[in-house]
Amino acid sequence: MEEKPNVIDLFCGCGGFSIGFKKHFNILGGIENFKPSAKTYMYNVGAKVWVDDIKRIPPMAFDEFINKEKVDVIIGSPPCEPFTKANIKIKDNPVDRLYKDKIGQLVLYYINYVDYFTKKNDDLIFIMENVPHIKEIKDELKKLFGDIGHKVYFNILRAEDYGNPSKRARMFISNIKLKPKKREKRVVIDALSNIDENAPNHEIQKLSPKKLALISKLKWGESLYKFKGKNKIMENWFRLHPYKLAPTVKGKGRFIHPFEDRLLTVREQARLMGFDDNFVFFGGRNTQYNMIGESVPPTLSRAIAEVIKDNL
C-alpha cells in the first residue's frame, strides 16, 4: 500500500481543516491552545494535539512531538480577528495588524514553522487559511514567504462552490495554485433534512416566551438583531430561507430554523458547514457554536486536499 503523505495542522481548532485531509493523508498532529477544541480535534481526527500557545512551542520542539517524521504539508488557520472588517477594533494601518496586534503576530509564527520544515523538506506544501481581507497585507506576506524561499498564491475560495450549504469566502495562501473542482450546489433544506433525533449535539435550546414571540414574527431572510461592524451592518438570529444558501456561519452567529420557531441546534449549525453527523463537539453549547463558526468547512477542506494530493 502506498504511504500517505504527512500533514501537521497549526491553530487546528476543532478539526474542520484536518478532517478533509484524513482520507488521503496521515495527520501527524496539531497545535491548539483551547482545550475543548483540542479535545474535539483528537476525538474526531484521531491525531494528537499539543495544547498550548504556539508562541511557547518552538518548531524544533514540535518536531520532537511528532517523532521527527517527515512533514509534507502544513495547514492551519491563524486567528482572523485582526484582519476581518467585522472587528470594529481592527487597526487602520494594515501592516500594523500583522506586527503590532498580538493576535495578528501569530501569522509570523505560522511562517516560522513553514521556514523550519521547508529546511527539512524542499517539496513542502503549505496552505494558510484566513479572511479575504488579509489581502491588504499581500505585499508584506509575499516578502516574508519569499524570504524563506516560497512563491505564494492568494486563492480566494467560496465554500458554497464545493457543496457547502452556507456562504463562506476564505483566503487560502499557499505555495501552489488552488483550483479545486467545483461541486453541485446545496441549500439550507438539503442540509437540515433527515437528521436523526438522537444525533450528537442535537439538543434544542429553550427560549423565553418573549424571545419566542419575537422570532415567531420573523419571515425568511429577516433577523432579530442588527449591529454595526467596522464598515457594514451585521445581523444575528437570522431566519434561514430553506431554498437558498445560509449566510456565513460565524462563531457568535445564531440562525432561526426556517419552519420552526427556535434556534438551530449545534448539529444543524454543523450541517450548514458540511460536518458529518458522526463529528462530535465537546464543551459548552456556545463553545460548540464558536468552534463551528471558526472552522474550515470539511466540504471545502476535502476539495483542497484533492488538489494537494495531485500535486505531491
Protein backbone atom coordinates (compact mmCIF):
# COMPACT_ATOMS: atom_id res chain seq x y z
CA MET A 1 0.00 0.00 0.00
CA GLU A 2 1.28 3.45 -0.93
CA GLU A 3 2.31 5.51 2.07
CA LYS A 4 0.14 8.55 2.76
CA PRO A 5 1.81 11.99 2.87
CA ASN A 6 2.09 13.58 6.32
CA VAL A 7 0.22 16.71 7.47
CA ILE A 8 0.52 18.96 10.52
CA ASP A 9 -2.19 21.48 11.44
CA LEU A 10 -1.30 24.72 13.23
CA PHE A 11 -4.11 26.56 15.07
CA CYS A 12 -6.04 23.39 14.36
CA GLY A 13 -9.27 24.32 16.16
CA CYS A 14 -11.83 21.53 16.30
CA GLY A 15 -10.51 19.89 13.12
CA GLY A 16 -12.53 21.15 10.14
CA PHE A 17 -9.38 21.65 8.06
CA SER A 18 -7.73 18.35 9.04
CA ILE A 19 -10.82 16.17 8.71
CA GLY A 20 -10.94 16.96 4.99
CA PHE A 21 -7.38 15.66 4.60
CA LYS A 22 -7.90 12.47 6.58
CA LYS A 23 -8.88 10.26 3.62
CA HIS A 24 -5.69 10.76 1.60
CA PHE A 25 -3.21 11.98 4.24
CA ASN A 26 -1.71 10.93 7.54
CA ILE A 27 -2.36 13.63 10.18
CA LEU A 28 0.68 13.71 12.45
CA GLY A 29 -0.68 16.23 14.94
CA GLY A 30 -1.86 19.74 15.62
CA ILE A 31 -1.36 22.76 17.86
CA GLU A 32 -4.32 24.35 19.65
CA ASN A 33 -4.41 26.36 22.86
CA PHE A 34 -8.15 25.95 23.62
CA LYS A 35 -8.80 22.68 25.45
CA PRO A 36 -12.39 21.94 24.25
CA SER A 37 -11.29 22.44 20.63
CA ALA A 38 -8.25 20.22 21.15
CA LYS A 39 -10.42 17.51 22.72
CA THR A 40 -12.86 17.73 19.80
CA TYR A 41 -9.97 17.53 17.32
CA MET A 42 -8.36 14.50 18.95
CA TYR A 43 -11.67 12.63 19.20
CA ASN A 44 -12.71 13.20 15.59
CA VAL A 45 -9.44 13.48 13.67
CA GLY A 46 -7.70 10.83 15.72
CA ALA A 47 -4.39 12.70 15.91
CA LYS A 48 -2.55 14.12 18.90
CA VAL A 49 -2.58 17.82 19.77
CA TRP A 50 -0.08 19.89 21.68
CA VAL A 51 -2.39 22.01 23.82
CA ASP A 52 -0.60 25.32 24.35
CA ASP A 53 0.05 28.72 22.81
CA ILE A 54 2.15 28.28 19.65
CA LYS A 55 4.38 31.11 20.92
CA ARG A 56 5.59 28.70 23.57
CA ILE A 57 6.20 25.82 21.16
CA PRO A 58 9.37 26.19 19.05
CA PRO A 59 9.18 24.29 15.74
CA MET A 60 12.05 22.07 16.88
CA ALA A 61 10.06 21.01 19.96
CA PHE A 62 7.01 20.22 17.85
CA ASP A 63 9.24 18.23 15.51
CA GLU A 64 10.16 16.06 18.52
CA PHE A 65 6.44 15.82 19.44
CA ILE A 66 5.70 14.24 16.03
CA ASN A 67 8.76 11.95 16.36
CA LYS A 68 10.65 13.88 13.67
CA GLU A 69 8.51 12.35 10.96
CA LYS A 70 8.76 13.94 7.54
CA VAL A 71 6.22 16.76 7.10
CA ASP A 72 4.84 17.02 3.56
CA VAL A 73 2.04 19.53 4.15
CA ILE A 74 1.41 22.28 6.70
CA ILE A 75 -2.15 23.55 7.02
CA GLY A 76 -3.51 25.99 9.56
CA SER A 77 -5.75 28.91 10.36
CA PRO A 78 -4.20 31.71 12.42
CA PRO A 79 -6.95 33.77 14.12
CA CYS A 80 -8.69 36.11 11.69
CA GLU A 81 -9.91 38.81 14.15
CA PRO A 82 -7.02 41.23 13.43
CA PHE A 83 -7.80 41.14 9.68
CA THR A 84 -11.59 40.99 9.44
CA LYS A 85 -13.71 44.08 8.84
CA ALA A 86 -16.31 42.61 11.21
CA ASN A 87 -13.89 43.61 14.01
CA ILE A 88 -14.64 47.23 14.99
CA LYS A 89 -11.21 47.41 16.70
CA ILE A 90 -9.27 46.45 13.56
CA LYS A 91 -6.13 48.57 13.20
CA ASP A 92 -6.38 51.20 10.45
CA ASN A 93 -2.89 50.55 9.07
CA PRO A 94 -2.99 47.04 7.51
CA VAL A 95 0.67 46.28 8.30
CA ASP A 96 0.08 47.11 11.98
CA ARG A 97 -2.43 44.23 12.04
CA LEU A 98 0.48 41.87 11.42
CA TYR A 99 3.23 43.42 13.55
CA LYS A 100 1.51 45.44 16.32
CA ASP A 101 -1.57 43.32 17.00
CA LYS A 102 -0.54 40.48 19.34
CA ILE A 103 -3.06 38.11 17.75
CA GLY A 104 -2.08 39.22 14.23
CA GLN A 105 1.53 38.34 15.06
CA LEU A 106 0.51 34.66 15.17
CA VAL A 107 0.78 34.66 11.36
CA LEU A 108 4.52 35.22 11.85
CA TYR A 109 4.70 32.05 13.97
CA TYR A 110 2.98 30.12 11.17
CA ILE A 111 5.62 31.42 8.74
CA ASN A 112 8.37 30.42 11.20
CA TYR A 113 7.04 26.83 11.17
CA VAL A 114 6.97 26.82 7.36
CA ASP A 115 10.59 28.02 7.35
CA TYR A 116 11.72 25.28 9.77
CA PHE A 117 10.03 22.41 7.95
CA THR A 118 11.00 23.72 4.48
CA LYS A 119 14.64 23.34 5.53
CA LYS A 120 13.89 19.67 6.19
CA ASN A 121 11.82 19.13 3.03
CA ASP A 122 12.25 21.27 -0.10
CA ASP A 123 8.97 19.95 -1.51
CA LEU A 124 6.86 21.08 1.45
CA ILE A 125 3.40 22.42 0.59
CA PHE A 126 1.65 24.85 2.90
CA ILE A 127 -1.86 26.31 3.00
CA MET A 128 -2.75 29.08 5.44
CA GLU A 129 -6.42 29.99 5.77
CA ASN A 130 -7.76 33.40 6.77
CA VAL A 131 -10.33 36.04 5.78
CA PRO A 132 -10.16 37.61 2.29
CA HIS A 133 -9.27 41.00 3.83
CA ILE A 134 -5.83 39.66 4.73
CA LYS A 135 -5.02 40.56 1.10
CA GLU A 136 -4.45 44.10 2.40
CA ILE A 137 -1.05 42.84 3.64
CA LYS A 138 -0.42 40.85 0.46
CA ASP A 139 2.91 42.55 -0.34
CA GLU A 140 4.23 42.00 3.19
CA LEU A 141 3.25 38.32 3.12
CA LYS A 142 4.85 37.86 -0.33
CA LYS A 143 8.08 39.28 1.08
CA LEU A 144 8.00 37.19 4.27
CA PHE A 145 7.32 33.92 2.45
CA GLY A 146 9.76 34.94 -0.29
CA ASP A 147 12.49 35.40 2.31
CA ILE A 148 12.14 31.71 3.22
CA GLY A 149 12.15 30.56 -0.40
CA HIS A 150 8.47 30.37 -1.30
CA LYS A 151 6.47 31.99 -4.05
CA VAL A 152 2.92 32.43 -2.75
CA TYR A 153 -0.52 32.36 -4.31
CA PHE A 154 -3.55 34.10 -2.86
CA ASN A 155 -6.51 31.84 -3.56
CA ILE A 156 -9.97 33.10 -2.61
CA LEU A 157 -12.27 30.10 -2.48
CA ARG A 158 -16.01 30.07 -1.79
CA ALA A 159 -17.16 27.06 0.21
CA GLU A 160 -20.58 27.16 -1.48
CA ASP A 161 -18.87 26.25 -4.78
CA TYR A 162 -17.87 22.92 -3.23
CA GLY A 163 -21.21 21.70 -1.87
CA ASN A 164 -21.34 23.79 1.31
CA PRO A 165 -24.89 24.94 2.12
CA SER A 166 -23.71 28.24 3.64
CA LYS A 167 -21.76 31.11 2.14
CA ARG A 168 -18.11 31.35 3.11
CA ALA A 169 -15.39 33.17 1.18
CA ARG A 170 -11.93 32.49 2.54
CA MET A 171 -8.37 33.27 1.53
CA PHE A 172 -6.01 30.31 1.25
CA ILE A 173 -2.41 31.45 0.99
CA SER A 174 -0.27 28.66 -0.41
CA ASN A 175 2.83 27.86 -2.43
CA ILE A 176 0.77 26.12 -5.12
CA LYS A 177 -2.28 27.30 -7.05
CA LEU A 178 -5.53 26.01 -5.61
CA LYS A 179 -8.27 25.41 -8.14
CA PRO A 180 -10.43 22.60 -6.78
CA LYS A 181 -13.08 21.06 -8.98
CA LYS A 182 -16.44 22.67 -8.24
CA ARG A 183 -19.29 20.56 -6.93
CA GLU A 184 -23.06 20.63 -7.02
CA LYS A 185 -24.69 23.45 -5.04
CA ARG A 186 -26.64 22.64 -1.87
CA VAL A 187 -29.07 24.86 0.05
CA VAL A 188 -30.41 25.04 3.60
CA ILE A 189 -33.20 22.48 3.14
CA ASP A 190 -30.65 19.93 1.85
CA ALA A 191 -28.56 20.41 4.97
CA LEU A 192 -31.35 20.29 7.55
CA SER A 193 -33.23 17.27 6.23
CA ASN A 194 -33.11 13.77 7.73
CA ILE A 195 -31.24 14.39 10.97
CA ASP A 196 -31.65 11.56 13.45
CA GLU A 197 -33.18 12.97 16.64
CA ASN A 198 -30.54 11.04 18.61
CA ALA A 199 -27.63 12.55 16.66
CA PRO A 200 -24.92 14.06 18.91
CA ASN A 201 -25.10 17.81 19.70
CA HIS A 202 -28.74 17.95 18.62
CA GLU A 203 -30.42 19.31 21.77
CA ILE A 204 -32.95 22.11 21.24
CA GLN A 205 -32.29 25.23 23.30
CA LYS A 206 -35.22 26.50 25.36
CA LEU A 207 -36.12 30.16 24.79
CA SER A 208 -38.10 32.59 26.89
CA PRO A 209 -41.75 33.30 25.90
CA LYS A 210 -40.66 36.85 24.97
CA LYS A 211 -37.95 35.59 22.58
CA LEU A 212 -40.35 33.04 21.09
CA ALA A 213 -42.92 35.76 20.43
CA LEU A 214 -40.29 37.92 18.68
CA ILE A 215 -38.85 35.20 16.46
CA SER A 216 -42.30 33.91 15.51
CA LYS A 217 -42.80 37.18 13.59
CA LEU A 218 -39.62 36.78 11.52
CA LYS A 219 -40.04 35.90 7.85
CA TRP A 220 -37.38 34.09 5.82
CA GLY A 221 -34.35 36.35 5.46
CA GLU A 222 -35.21 38.60 8.42
CA SER A 223 -33.17 38.92 11.60
CA LEU A 224 -33.93 39.81 15.20
CA TYR A 225 -30.70 41.73 15.84
CA LYS A 226 -28.59 44.16 13.83
CA PHE A 227 -25.30 45.72 14.92
CA LYS A 228 -22.50 47.77 13.42
CA GLY A 229 -19.30 46.19 12.16
CA LYS A 230 -16.28 48.25 11.04
CA ASN A 231 -17.99 49.31 7.81
CA LYS A 232 -21.20 47.31 7.47
CA ILE A 233 -24.31 46.26 9.36
CA MET A 234 -24.10 42.76 10.82
CA GLU A 235 -27.15 40.58 11.56
CA ASN A 236 -27.87 37.85 14.11
CA TRP A 237 -30.74 35.49 14.95
CA PHE A 238 -31.46 35.28 11.23
CA ARG A 239 -34.44 33.26 9.91
CA LEU A 240 -32.99 30.97 7.24
CA HIS A 241 -34.54 30.72 3.80
CA PRO A 242 -34.90 26.98 3.13
CA TYR A 243 -34.27 27.19 -0.62
CA LYS A 244 -31.24 29.48 -0.52
CA LEU A 245 -27.72 29.31 0.85
CA ALA A 246 -27.37 30.17 4.53
CA PRO A 247 -25.36 33.32 5.30
CA THR A 248 -21.80 32.89 6.57
CA VAL A 249 -21.71 30.87 9.78
CA LYS A 250 -19.89 32.88 12.47
CA GLY A 251 -18.80 31.89 15.97
CA LYS A 252 -21.34 34.11 17.69
CA GLY A 253 -23.88 33.79 14.86
CA ARG A 254 -27.20 32.08 15.51
CA PHE A 255 -29.86 31.09 13.00
CA ILE A 256 -33.60 30.57 13.34
CA HIS A 257 -34.97 27.39 11.79
CA PRO A 258 -36.81 28.11 8.51
CA PHE A 259 -40.02 26.34 9.59
CA GLU A 260 -39.86 26.19 13.38
CA ASP A 261 -39.68 28.99 15.97
CA ARG A 262 -36.36 28.00 17.52
CA LEU A 263 -32.64 28.33 17.10
CA LEU A 264 -30.78 25.74 15.08
CA THR A 265 -29.18 23.07 17.23
CA VAL A 266 -25.41 22.72 17.23
CA ARG A 267 -25.84 19.66 14.97
CA GLU A 268 -27.89 21.65 12.45
CA GLN A 269 -25.37 24.51 12.53
CA ALA A 270 -22.63 21.94 11.90
CA ARG A 271 -24.61 20.61 8.93
CA LEU A 272 -24.53 24.14 7.44
CA MET A 273 -20.73 23.85 7.48
CA GLY A 274 -20.56 20.37 5.99
CA PHE A 275 -19.69 18.41 9.14
CA ASP A 276 -20.88 14.80 9.17
CA ASP A 277 -23.25 13.75 11.95
CA ASN A 278 -20.60 11.46 13.47
CA PHE A 279 -18.41 14.50 14.19
CA VAL A 280 -18.87 15.16 17.92
CA PHE A 281 -18.32 18.59 19.52
CA PHE A 282 -17.22 18.98 23.15
CA GLY A 283 -17.50 21.89 25.59
CA GLY A 284 -20.49 24.09 26.43
CA ARG A 285 -23.12 24.90 23.81
CA ASN A 286 -21.73 28.37 22.99
CA THR A 287 -18.24 26.90 22.74
CA GLN A 288 -19.53 24.34 20.25
CA TYR A 289 -21.18 27.01 18.10
CA ASN A 290 -17.94 29.01 18.19
CA MET A 291 -15.89 26.02 17.05
CA ILE A 292 -18.15 25.53 14.05
CA GLY A 293 -18.08 29.20 13.08
CA GLU A 294 -14.29 29.31 13.26
CA SER A 295 -13.77 26.16 11.16
CA VAL A 296 -12.78 25.49 7.61
CA PRO A 297 -15.85 23.66 6.26
CA PRO A 298 -14.95 19.99 5.66
CA THR A 299 -16.65 20.24 2.27
CA LEU A 300 -14.01 22.77 1.25
CA SER A 301 -11.06 21.15 3.02
CA ARG A 302 -11.81 17.87 1.20
CA ALA A 303 -11.74 19.69 -2.15
CA ILE A 304 -8.42 21.34 -1.25
CA ALA A 305 -6.95 18.01 -0.10
CA GLU A 306 -7.70 16.50 -3.53
CA VAL A 307 -5.67 19.29 -5.18
CA ILE A 308 -2.76 18.80 -2.78
CA LYS A 309 -2.81 15.02 -3.30
CA ASP A 310 -2.49 15.56 -7.05
CA ASN A 311 0.47 17.93 -6.54
CA LEU A 312 2.56 15.61 -4.38
